[in-house]
Protein backbone atom coordinates (compact mmCIF):
# COMPACT_ATOMS: atom_id res chain seq x y z
CA UNK A 1 -0.05 0.00 -0.04
CA UNK A 2 1.54 3.48 -0.85
CA UNK A 3 2.11 5.77 1.82
CA UNK A 4 -0.53 8.28 1.14
CA UNK A 5 -3.13 6.34 -0.36
CA UNK A 6 -6.71 6.64 1.64
CA UNK A 7 -7.82 3.86 3.98
CA UNK A 8 -11.63 4.39 4.23
CA UNK A 9 -11.90 1.47 6.62
CA UNK A 10 -9.90 2.77 9.15
CA UNK A 11 -12.60 5.53 9.92
CA UNK A 12 -15.57 3.34 9.97
CA UNK A 13 -16.84 1.85 12.99
CA UNK A 14 -17.11 -1.83 13.18
CA UNK A 15 -20.14 -3.68 12.50
CA UNK A 16 -20.67 -5.36 15.84
CA UNK A 17 -21.68 -2.68 18.16
CA UNK A 18 -23.51 -2.78 21.37
CA UNK A 19 -25.56 -0.29 23.32
CA UNK A 20 -24.11 2.29 25.32
CA UNK A 21 -24.27 1.43 28.79
CA UNK A 22 -25.85 4.78 29.76
CA UNK A 23 -28.62 4.67 27.27
CA UNK A 24 -32.16 5.28 28.01
CA UNK A 25 -34.13 1.92 29.09
CA UNK A 26 -36.87 1.03 26.71
CA UNK A 27 -39.54 1.73 29.44
CA UNK A 28 -38.60 5.32 29.83
CA UNK A 29 -37.86 5.84 25.83
CA UNK A 30 -41.73 6.95 25.47
CA UNK A 31 -41.21 9.51 28.04
CA UNK A 32 -43.15 10.80 30.97
CA UNK A 33 -46.02 8.23 31.52
CA UNK A 34 -49.38 9.56 30.43
CA UNK A 35 -51.16 9.36 33.89
CA UNK A 36 -48.36 11.71 35.54
CA UNK A 37 -48.18 13.72 32.26
CA UNK A 38 -51.81 14.43 32.59
CA UNK A 39 -51.72 15.14 36.19
CA UNK A 40 -48.62 17.81 35.85
CA UNK A 41 -50.18 19.50 33.03
CA UNK A 42 -53.38 20.08 34.92
CA UNK A 43 -51.15 21.49 37.83
CA UNK A 44 -48.95 23.41 35.77
CA UNK A 45 -50.01 23.99 32.44
CA UNK A 46 -48.92 22.31 29.02
CA UNK A 47 -46.29 24.77 28.29
CA UNK A 48 -44.48 23.88 31.68
CA UNK A 49 -44.44 20.07 31.20
CA UNK A 50 -41.32 18.62 29.51
CA UNK A 51 -42.61 15.16 28.86
CA UNK A 52 -40.80 14.05 25.35
CA UNK A 53 -37.58 11.93 25.72
CA UNK A 54 -35.60 14.33 23.85
CA UNK A 55 -36.59 17.14 26.46
CA UNK A 56 -36.17 14.78 29.56
CA UNK A 57 -32.39 13.58 28.31
CA UNK A 58 -31.52 17.33 27.51
CA UNK A 59 -32.80 18.51 31.05
CA UNK A 60 -30.95 15.52 32.91
CA UNK A 61 -27.81 16.02 31.19
CA UNK A 62 -27.44 19.94 31.85
CA UNK A 63 -24.88 20.29 34.55
CA UNK A 64 -25.41 23.81 34.72
CA UNK A 65 -25.32 25.60 38.19
CA UNK A 66 -28.07 27.82 37.17
CA UNK A 67 -30.76 25.54 37.16
């Protein structure tokens, strides 16, 4: 192999991949359970309730001291 010939296989991840150890569980992937979501929405209003999984993960991973 010549010195400067590209090797694209070196940049591709392997095909045998496992889920990340800190991934969201399948049970939690749907977001906040409906009964709890309905109660929180009635109490706080729809604009204050974060129920989608992307909202929950974003909030949980924010290590900001200003929360």
